[in-house]
Amino acid sequence: MTDDLTFMMGEFEAQFPTDRLYARNHMWAQRVSEDRFRFGFAAYAVRLLQDVYFLDWEIAAGAQISERQEIGQIESQKAEASLYAPLAGTVVCINETLLKDPSAINVDKYSNGWLFEIAGISNGLLSPSEYLVHLESVWEVTQRTIKGQMNK
């Protein structure tokens, strides 16, 4: 069992397993092999999105992608957003189950809610402690954004 780190999002706890890396776009990366990583949404993103109900990909297995390339879209109770590649490489596979029912993203984000696998170099991915520092640096802006959306 791994120890989790916690980031407080107001009154809500976001848990982060320490056995993986994290991307600045709030995805976790679990090493599958030397150059292959499985990605999913970190608790921070899942909390902000709330109840994901639609997921669509513009990529397929075998596609060459660049870091920050738009790769799909997601819709949830709180937001519609484009999704961007957390690193450059080759898409190995996509979790096809999520296309039919993306609810695993909400309930099992660190296991069955994984999104895709990419073969690439992990440069730019953050350690769990570096990711928590990143969250602290973006949390104030995130709170202002959330409050602005609620006041519309």
N, C-alpha and C. Protein backbone atom coordinates (compact mmCIF):
# COMPACT_ATOMS: atom_id res chain seq x y z
N MET A 1 0.85 -1.19 0.00
CA MET A 1 0.00 0.00 0.00
C MET A 1 0.89 1.25 0.00
N THR A 2 0.50 2.22 -0.80
CA THR A 2 1.28 3.46 -0.87
C THR A 2 0.68 4.50 0.06
N ASP A 3 1.51 5.42 0.47
CA ASP A 3 1.01 6.56 1.23
C ASP A 3 0.46 7.57 0.25
N ASP A 4 -0.62 8.21 0.62
CA ASP A 4 -1.20 9.25 -0.21
C ASP A 4 -0.82 10.61 0.35
N LEU A 5 -0.70 11.57 -0.53
CA LEU A 5 -0.56 12.96 -0.13
C LEU A 5 -1.95 13.60 -0.26
N THR A 6 -2.18 14.64 0.49
CA THR A 6 -3.49 15.30 0.48
C THR A 6 -3.33 16.78 0.17
N PHE A 7 -4.20 17.28 -0.69
CA PHE A 7 -4.29 18.72 -0.96
C PHE A 7 -5.70 19.14 -0.59
N MET A 8 -5.81 20.16 0.24
CA MET A 8 -7.12 20.65 0.65
C MET A 8 -7.66 21.65 -0.37
N MET A 9 -8.80 21.32 -0.94
CA MET A 9 -9.50 22.19 -1.88
C MET A 9 -10.67 22.79 -1.11
N GLY A 10 -10.37 23.81 -0.33
CA GLY A 10 -11.39 24.33 0.57
C GLY A 10 -11.64 23.27 1.63
N GLU A 11 -12.88 22.82 1.73
CA GLU A 11 -13.21 21.79 2.73
C GLU A 11 -13.05 20.37 2.19
N PHE A 12 -12.72 20.22 0.94
CA PHE A 12 -12.60 18.91 0.31
C PHE A 12 -11.15 18.46 0.22
N GLU A 13 -10.93 17.19 0.53
CA GLU A 13 -9.60 16.60 0.42
C GLU A 13 -9.42 15.97 -0.94
N ALA A 14 -8.31 16.26 -1.59
CA ALA A 14 -7.93 15.57 -2.83
C ALA A 14 -6.73 14.70 -2.49
N GLN A 15 -6.88 13.38 -2.65
CA GLN A 15 -5.82 12.43 -2.34
C GLN A 15 -4.98 12.12 -3.58
N PHE A 16 -3.66 11.98 -3.38
CA PHE A 16 -2.74 11.70 -4.47
C PHE A 16 -1.81 10.57 -4.10
N PRO A 17 -1.93 9.42 -4.77
CA PRO A 17 -1.00 8.33 -4.50
C PRO A 17 0.43 8.75 -4.81
N THR A 18 1.37 8.29 -4.01
CA THR A 18 2.77 8.66 -4.20
C THR A 18 3.52 7.69 -5.11
N ASP A 19 2.83 6.70 -5.65
CA ASP A 19 3.49 5.72 -6.51
C ASP A 19 3.42 6.08 -7.99
N ARG A 20 3.12 7.33 -8.29
CA ARG A 20 3.04 7.76 -9.69
C ARG A 20 3.53 9.19 -9.85
N LEU A 21 3.62 9.61 -11.10
CA LEU A 21 4.01 10.98 -11.44
C LEU A 21 2.76 11.76 -11.80
N TYR A 22 2.90 13.07 -11.95
CA TYR A 22 1.75 13.92 -12.26
C TYR A 22 2.12 14.94 -13.33
N ALA A 23 1.13 15.29 -14.15
CA ALA A 23 1.31 16.30 -15.19
C ALA A 23 0.69 17.61 -14.71
N ARG A 24 1.18 18.71 -15.23
CA ARG A 24 0.66 20.03 -14.84
C ARG A 24 -0.81 20.20 -15.24
N ASN A 25 -1.28 19.39 -16.19
CA ASN A 25 -2.69 19.48 -16.59
C ASN A 25 -3.57 18.55 -15.75
N HIS A 26 -3.09 18.17 -14.58
CA HIS A 26 -3.85 17.44 -13.56
C HIS A 26 -4.20 16.01 -13.97
N MET A 27 -3.24 15.37 -14.62
CA MET A 27 -3.35 13.94 -14.90
C MET A 27 -2.26 13.22 -14.11
N TRP A 28 -2.58 12.00 -13.68
CA TRP A 28 -1.55 11.15 -13.07
C TRP A 28 -0.95 10.27 -14.15
N ALA A 29 0.28 9.82 -13.91
CA ALA A 29 0.99 8.94 -14.84
C ALA A 29 1.58 7.78 -14.05
N GLN A 30 1.17 6.59 -14.41
CA GLN A 30 1.70 5.39 -13.77
C GLN A 30 2.58 4.67 -14.79
N ARG A 31 3.82 4.38 -14.40
CA ARG A 31 4.76 3.72 -15.30
C ARG A 31 4.30 2.27 -15.52
N VAL A 32 4.09 1.91 -16.80
CA VAL A 32 3.70 0.55 -17.17
C VAL A 32 4.94 -0.23 -17.58
N SER A 33 5.87 0.43 -18.25
CA SER A 33 7.17 -0.14 -18.62
C SER A 33 8.16 1.02 -18.69
N GLU A 34 9.36 0.75 -19.14
CA GLU A 34 10.41 1.78 -19.14
C GLU A 34 9.97 3.10 -19.77
N ASP A 35 9.29 3.04 -20.92
CA ASP A 35 8.90 4.27 -21.61
C ASP A 35 7.41 4.36 -21.86
N ARG A 36 6.63 3.61 -21.12
CA ARG A 36 5.17 3.58 -21.33
C ARG A 36 4.46 3.98 -20.04
N PHE A 37 3.50 4.91 -20.18
CA PHE A 37 2.80 5.45 -19.02
C PHE A 37 1.29 5.39 -19.23
N ARG A 38 0.58 5.02 -18.19
CA ARG A 38 -0.89 5.05 -18.18
C ARG A 38 -1.29 6.34 -17.49
N PHE A 39 -2.24 7.07 -18.10
CA PHE A 39 -2.68 8.36 -17.58
C PHE A 39 -4.16 8.34 -17.18
N GLY A 40 -4.46 9.13 -16.17
CA GLY A 40 -5.84 9.35 -15.74
C GLY A 40 -5.93 10.71 -15.08
N PHE A 41 -7.13 11.11 -14.71
CA PHE A 41 -7.31 12.40 -14.05
C PHE A 41 -6.99 12.30 -12.57
N ALA A 42 -6.20 13.25 -12.07
CA ALA A 42 -5.92 13.33 -10.64
C ALA A 42 -7.18 13.79 -9.90
N ALA A 43 -7.20 13.53 -8.61
CA ALA A 43 -8.36 13.88 -7.78
C ALA A 43 -8.72 15.35 -7.89
N TYR A 44 -7.75 16.21 -8.05
CA TYR A 44 -7.99 17.65 -8.19
C TYR A 44 -8.89 17.92 -9.39
N ALA A 45 -8.55 17.33 -10.54
CA ALA A 45 -9.36 17.53 -11.75
C ALA A 45 -10.74 16.93 -11.61
N VAL A 46 -10.81 15.74 -11.03
CA VAL A 46 -12.11 15.06 -10.88
C VAL A 46 -13.02 15.90 -9.98
N ARG A 47 -12.46 16.46 -8.92
CA ARG A 47 -13.26 17.30 -8.01
C ARG A 47 -13.78 18.55 -8.73
N LEU A 48 -12.95 19.16 -9.55
CA LEU A 48 -13.38 20.36 -10.27
C LEU A 48 -14.40 20.04 -11.35
N LEU A 49 -14.23 18.92 -12.03
CA LEU A 49 -15.16 18.55 -13.10
C LEU A 49 -16.51 18.11 -12.55
N GLN A 50 -16.51 17.27 -11.55
CA GLN A 50 -17.72 16.68 -10.96
C GLN A 50 -18.58 15.97 -12.01
N ASP A 51 -18.81 14.72 -11.79
CA ASP A 51 -19.72 13.90 -12.60
C ASP A 51 -19.48 14.01 -14.10
N VAL A 52 -18.39 13.41 -14.54
CA VAL A 52 -18.08 13.35 -15.97
C VAL A 52 -19.13 12.46 -16.65
N TYR A 53 -19.72 12.97 -17.74
CA TYR A 53 -20.72 12.16 -18.43
C TYR A 53 -20.45 12.00 -19.93
N PHE A 54 -19.40 12.66 -20.46
CA PHE A 54 -19.08 12.51 -21.88
C PHE A 54 -17.59 12.66 -22.07
N LEU A 55 -17.03 11.76 -22.89
CA LEU A 55 -15.61 11.77 -23.21
C LEU A 55 -15.47 11.40 -24.67
N ASP A 56 -14.65 12.16 -25.40
CA ASP A 56 -14.44 11.87 -26.82
C ASP A 56 -12.98 12.12 -27.15
N TRP A 57 -12.40 11.24 -27.98
CA TRP A 57 -11.00 11.35 -28.35
C TRP A 57 -10.83 11.72 -29.81
N GLU A 58 -9.84 12.53 -30.10
CA GLU A 58 -9.44 12.86 -31.47
C GLU A 58 -8.23 12.04 -31.87
N ILE A 59 -7.81 11.13 -31.01
CA ILE A 59 -6.63 10.30 -31.24
C ILE A 59 -7.03 8.83 -31.23
N ALA A 60 -6.15 7.99 -31.72
CA ALA A 60 -6.36 6.54 -31.69
C ALA A 60 -5.02 5.88 -31.43
N ALA A 61 -5.05 4.61 -31.08
CA ALA A 61 -3.81 3.86 -30.85
C ALA A 61 -2.92 3.97 -32.08
N GLY A 62 -1.65 4.20 -31.85
CA GLY A 62 -0.67 4.35 -32.93
C GLY A 62 -0.39 5.79 -33.32
N ALA A 63 -1.23 6.71 -32.88
CA ALA A 63 -1.06 8.13 -33.24
C ALA A 63 0.18 8.71 -32.56
N GLN A 64 0.92 9.51 -33.32
CA GLN A 64 2.04 10.28 -32.77
C GLN A 64 1.47 11.60 -32.27
N ILE A 65 1.76 11.95 -31.03
CA ILE A 65 1.23 13.20 -30.48
C ILE A 65 2.37 14.03 -29.89
N SER A 66 2.13 15.32 -29.82
CA SER A 66 3.10 16.22 -29.20
C SER A 66 2.54 16.69 -27.86
N GLU A 67 3.43 17.08 -26.96
CA GLU A 67 3.00 17.58 -25.67
C GLU A 67 2.10 18.80 -25.88
N ARG A 68 1.02 18.86 -25.14
CA ARG A 68 0.02 19.94 -25.17
C ARG A 68 -0.84 19.93 -26.43
N GLN A 69 -0.74 18.89 -27.25
CA GLN A 69 -1.62 18.77 -28.42
C GLN A 69 -3.04 18.45 -27.94
N GLU A 70 -4.02 19.08 -28.57
CA GLU A 70 -5.40 18.76 -28.22
C GLU A 70 -5.70 17.33 -28.67
N ILE A 71 -6.21 16.52 -27.73
CA ILE A 71 -6.43 15.10 -28.03
C ILE A 71 -7.88 14.66 -27.83
N GLY A 72 -8.72 15.52 -27.27
CA GLY A 72 -10.10 15.12 -27.05
C GLY A 72 -10.89 16.17 -26.31
N GLN A 73 -12.12 15.78 -25.95
CA GLN A 73 -13.01 16.67 -25.20
C GLN A 73 -13.67 15.89 -24.06
N ILE A 74 -14.04 16.65 -23.03
CA ILE A 74 -14.73 16.07 -21.90
C ILE A 74 -15.87 17.01 -21.49
N GLU A 75 -16.97 16.42 -21.06
CA GLU A 75 -18.09 17.20 -20.53
C GLU A 75 -18.48 16.62 -19.19
N SER A 76 -18.82 17.52 -18.29
CA SER A 76 -19.22 17.10 -16.95
C SER A 76 -20.30 18.05 -16.45
N GLN A 77 -20.72 17.79 -15.23
CA GLN A 77 -21.72 18.64 -14.60
C GLN A 77 -21.25 20.09 -14.53
N LYS A 78 -19.95 20.31 -14.36
CA LYS A 78 -19.42 21.66 -14.14
C LYS A 78 -18.74 22.30 -15.34
N ALA A 79 -18.32 21.49 -16.33
CA ALA A 79 -17.49 22.09 -17.38
C ALA A 79 -17.51 21.28 -18.67
N GLU A 80 -17.22 21.99 -19.75
CA GLU A 80 -16.88 21.37 -21.03
C GLU A 80 -15.47 21.84 -21.31
N ALA A 81 -14.58 20.91 -21.68
CA ALA A 81 -13.19 21.30 -21.87
C ALA A 81 -12.51 20.42 -22.91
N SER A 82 -11.50 21.00 -23.52
CA SER A 82 -10.62 20.24 -24.40
C SER A 82 -9.59 19.54 -23.52
N LEU A 83 -9.11 18.41 -23.99
CA LEU A 83 -8.08 17.66 -23.29
C LEU A 83 -6.78 17.74 -24.09
N TYR A 84 -5.67 17.84 -23.39
CA TYR A 84 -4.38 18.02 -24.02
C TYR A 84 -3.40 16.93 -23.57
N ALA A 85 -2.54 16.53 -24.47
CA ALA A 85 -1.56 15.48 -24.18
C ALA A 85 -0.59 15.94 -23.09
N PRO A 86 -0.38 15.10 -22.08
CA PRO A 86 0.54 15.45 -21.01
C PRO A 86 2.00 15.28 -21.37
N LEU A 87 2.28 14.52 -22.44
CA LEU A 87 3.65 14.39 -22.93
C LEU A 87 3.62 13.95 -24.38
N ALA A 88 4.75 14.11 -25.05
CA ALA A 88 4.87 13.70 -26.45
C ALA A 88 5.16 12.20 -26.52
N GLY A 89 4.68 11.57 -27.59
CA GLY A 89 4.96 10.15 -27.76
C GLY A 89 3.98 9.50 -28.70
N THR A 90 3.81 8.19 -28.51
CA THR A 90 2.89 7.40 -29.31
C THR A 90 1.77 6.88 -28.43
N VAL A 91 0.53 7.08 -28.87
CA VAL A 91 -0.61 6.55 -28.13
C VAL A 91 -0.58 5.03 -28.29
N VAL A 92 -0.52 4.33 -27.18
CA VAL A 92 -0.48 2.86 -27.20
C VAL A 92 -1.89 2.30 -27.21
N CYS A 93 -2.73 2.82 -26.31
CA CYS A 93 -4.12 2.38 -26.25
C CYS A 93 -4.95 3.41 -25.50
N ILE A 94 -6.26 3.29 -25.70
CA ILE A 94 -7.24 4.16 -25.04
C ILE A 94 -8.17 3.25 -24.26
N ASN A 95 -8.62 3.69 -23.11
CA ASN A 95 -9.57 2.93 -22.31
C ASN A 95 -10.95 3.04 -22.97
N GLU A 96 -11.25 2.11 -23.84
CA GLU A 96 -12.49 2.14 -24.63
C GLU A 96 -13.74 2.07 -23.75
N THR A 97 -13.63 1.44 -22.60
CA THR A 97 -14.77 1.31 -21.69
C THR A 97 -15.32 2.67 -21.29
N LEU A 98 -14.42 3.64 -21.14
CA LEU A 98 -14.85 4.99 -20.72
C LEU A 98 -15.68 5.70 -21.79
N LEU A 99 -15.50 5.34 -23.05
CA LEU A 99 -16.28 5.99 -24.11
C LEU A 99 -17.76 5.66 -23.98
N LYS A 100 -18.06 4.44 -23.53
CA LYS A 100 -19.45 4.03 -23.32
C LYS A 100 -20.00 4.53 -21.99
N ASP A 101 -19.14 4.51 -20.97
CA ASP A 101 -19.55 4.89 -19.62
C ASP A 101 -18.37 5.52 -18.88
N PRO A 102 -18.25 6.85 -18.93
CA PRO A 102 -17.11 7.51 -18.29
C PRO A 102 -17.22 7.64 -16.77
N SER A 103 -18.22 7.02 -16.14
CA SER A 103 -18.42 7.19 -14.71
C SER A 103 -17.26 6.67 -13.87
N ALA A 104 -16.46 5.74 -14.40
CA ALA A 104 -15.29 5.24 -13.64
C ALA A 104 -14.32 6.37 -13.33
N ILE A 105 -14.31 7.42 -14.16
CA ILE A 105 -13.46 8.58 -13.89
C ILE A 105 -13.85 9.19 -12.54
N ASN A 106 -15.14 9.20 -12.25
CA ASN A 106 -15.63 9.80 -11.01
C ASN A 106 -15.38 8.92 -9.79
N VAL A 107 -15.57 7.62 -9.95
CA VAL A 107 -15.57 6.73 -8.78
C VAL A 107 -14.30 5.91 -8.61
N ASP A 108 -13.50 5.75 -9.64
CA ASP A 108 -12.32 4.89 -9.58
C ASP A 108 -11.16 5.51 -10.36
N LYS A 109 -10.89 6.79 -10.08
CA LYS A 109 -9.97 7.59 -10.88
C LYS A 109 -8.55 7.04 -10.95
N TYR A 110 -8.10 6.35 -9.91
CA TYR A 110 -6.72 5.86 -9.89
C TYR A 110 -6.60 4.39 -10.29
N SER A 111 -7.67 3.82 -10.83
CA SER A 111 -7.61 2.43 -11.27
C SER A 111 -8.36 2.28 -12.59
N ASN A 112 -9.61 1.84 -12.54
CA ASN A 112 -10.38 1.60 -13.76
C ASN A 112 -10.74 2.87 -14.53
N GLY A 113 -10.57 4.04 -13.92
CA GLY A 113 -10.88 5.30 -14.59
C GLY A 113 -9.72 5.85 -15.41
N TRP A 114 -8.71 5.03 -15.70
CA TRP A 114 -7.58 5.50 -16.52
C TRP A 114 -8.07 5.87 -17.91
N LEU A 115 -7.35 6.79 -18.57
CA LEU A 115 -7.77 7.34 -19.86
C LEU A 115 -7.07 6.69 -21.05
N PHE A 116 -5.73 6.69 -21.04
CA PHE A 116 -4.95 6.20 -22.19
C PHE A 116 -3.54 5.87 -21.74
N GLU A 117 -2.80 5.19 -22.63
CA GLU A 117 -1.39 4.92 -22.40
C GLU A 117 -0.59 5.56 -23.53
N ILE A 118 0.55 6.13 -23.16
CA ILE A 118 1.45 6.76 -24.11
C ILE A 118 2.86 6.20 -23.91
N ALA A 119 3.51 5.88 -25.00
CA ALA A 119 4.93 5.53 -24.96
C ALA A 119 5.69 6.82 -25.26
N GLY A 120 6.51 7.25 -24.31
CA GLY A 120 7.25 8.50 -24.47
C GLY A 120 8.21 8.70 -23.32
N ILE A 121 8.84 9.83 -23.29
CA ILE A 121 9.81 10.17 -22.24
C ILE A 121 9.11 11.04 -21.21
N SER A 122 9.34 10.72 -19.95
CA SER A 122 8.60 11.38 -18.86
C SER A 122 9.13 12.75 -18.48
N ASN A 123 10.01 13.35 -19.28
CA ASN A 123 10.48 14.71 -18.98
C ASN A 123 9.28 15.63 -18.79
N GLY A 124 9.32 16.43 -17.77
CA GLY A 124 8.24 17.37 -17.55
C GLY A 124 7.17 16.88 -16.59
N LEU A 125 7.12 15.58 -16.33
CA LEU A 125 6.18 15.07 -15.33
C LEU A 125 6.73 15.39 -13.95
N LEU A 126 5.82 15.58 -13.00
CA LEU A 126 6.19 16.02 -11.66
C LEU A 126 6.12 14.87 -10.65
N SER A 127 6.99 14.90 -9.66
CA SER A 127 6.88 13.97 -8.53
C SER A 127 5.64 14.37 -7.73
N PRO A 128 5.13 13.49 -6.86
CA PRO A 128 3.97 13.88 -6.04
C PRO A 128 4.20 15.16 -5.24
N SER A 129 5.36 15.32 -4.65
CA SER A 129 5.60 16.55 -3.86
C SER A 129 5.69 17.78 -4.77
N GLU A 130 6.28 17.64 -5.95
CA GLU A 130 6.32 18.76 -6.90
C GLU A 130 4.90 19.11 -7.37
N TYR A 131 4.07 18.09 -7.53
CA TYR A 131 2.68 18.34 -7.97
C TYR A 131 1.91 19.11 -6.90
N LEU A 132 2.12 18.78 -5.63
CA LEU A 132 1.44 19.52 -4.57
C LEU A 132 1.87 20.99 -4.56
N VAL A 133 3.13 21.26 -4.82
CA VAL A 133 3.60 22.65 -4.92
C VAL A 133 2.91 23.33 -6.10
N HIS A 134 2.79 22.62 -7.21
CA HIS A 134 2.08 23.16 -8.39
C HIS A 134 0.62 23.48 -8.03
N LEU A 135 -0.04 22.58 -7.32
CA LEU A 135 -1.44 22.81 -6.93
C LEU A 135 -1.56 24.06 -6.06
N GLU A 136 -0.65 24.21 -5.12
CA GLU A 136 -0.67 25.40 -4.26
C GLU A 136 -0.53 26.67 -5.10
N SER A 137 0.26 26.60 -6.16
CA SER A 137 0.48 27.79 -6.99
C SER A 137 -0.72 28.13 -7.88
N VAL A 138 -1.55 27.16 -8.21
CA VAL A 138 -2.70 27.43 -9.08
C VAL A 138 -4.03 27.50 -8.33
N TRP A 139 -4.05 27.12 -7.06
CA TRP A 139 -5.31 27.04 -6.32
C TRP A 139 -6.01 28.39 -6.20
N GLU A 140 -5.27 29.45 -5.94
CA GLU A 140 -5.89 30.77 -5.79
C GLU A 140 -6.62 31.19 -7.07
N VAL A 141 -5.98 31.01 -8.21
CA VAL A 141 -6.59 31.34 -9.50
C VAL A 141 -7.81 30.44 -9.74
N THR A 142 -7.67 29.17 -9.40
CA THR A 142 -8.79 28.23 -9.57
C THR A 142 -9.99 28.68 -8.75
N GLN A 143 -9.77 29.08 -7.52
CA GLN A 143 -10.88 29.53 -6.66
C GLN A 143 -11.57 30.77 -7.26
N ARG A 144 -10.78 31.70 -7.76
CA ARG A 144 -11.38 32.90 -8.37
C ARG A 144 -12.21 32.52 -9.60
N THR A 145 -11.71 31.58 -10.38
CA THR A 145 -12.43 31.12 -11.57
C THR A 145 -13.76 30.48 -11.17
N ILE A 146 -13.71 29.61 -10.16
CA ILE A 146 -14.92 28.94 -9.70
C ILE A 146 -15.93 29.96 -9.20
N LYS A 147 -15.49 30.91 -8.39
CA LYS A 147 -16.40 31.94 -7.87
C LYS A 147 -16.97 32.79 -8.99
N GLY A 148 -16.15 33.10 -10.01
CA GLY A 148 -16.64 33.87 -11.15
C GLY A 148 -17.70 33.12 -11.92
N GLN A 149 -17.54 31.80 -12.07
CA GLN A 149 -18.54 31.00 -12.77
C GLN A 149 -19.83 30.94 -11.98
N MET A 150 -19.72 30.89 -10.65
CA MET A 150 -20.91 30.81 -9.82
C MET A 150 -21.67 32.13 -9.83
N ASN A 151 -20.99 33.23 -10.09
CA ASN A 151 -21.64 34.55 -10.07
C ASN A 151 -22.23 34.96 -11.40
N LYS A 152 -22.13 34.11 -12.41
CA LYS A 152 -22.67 34.45 -13.74
C LYS A 152 -24.17 34.30 -13.76
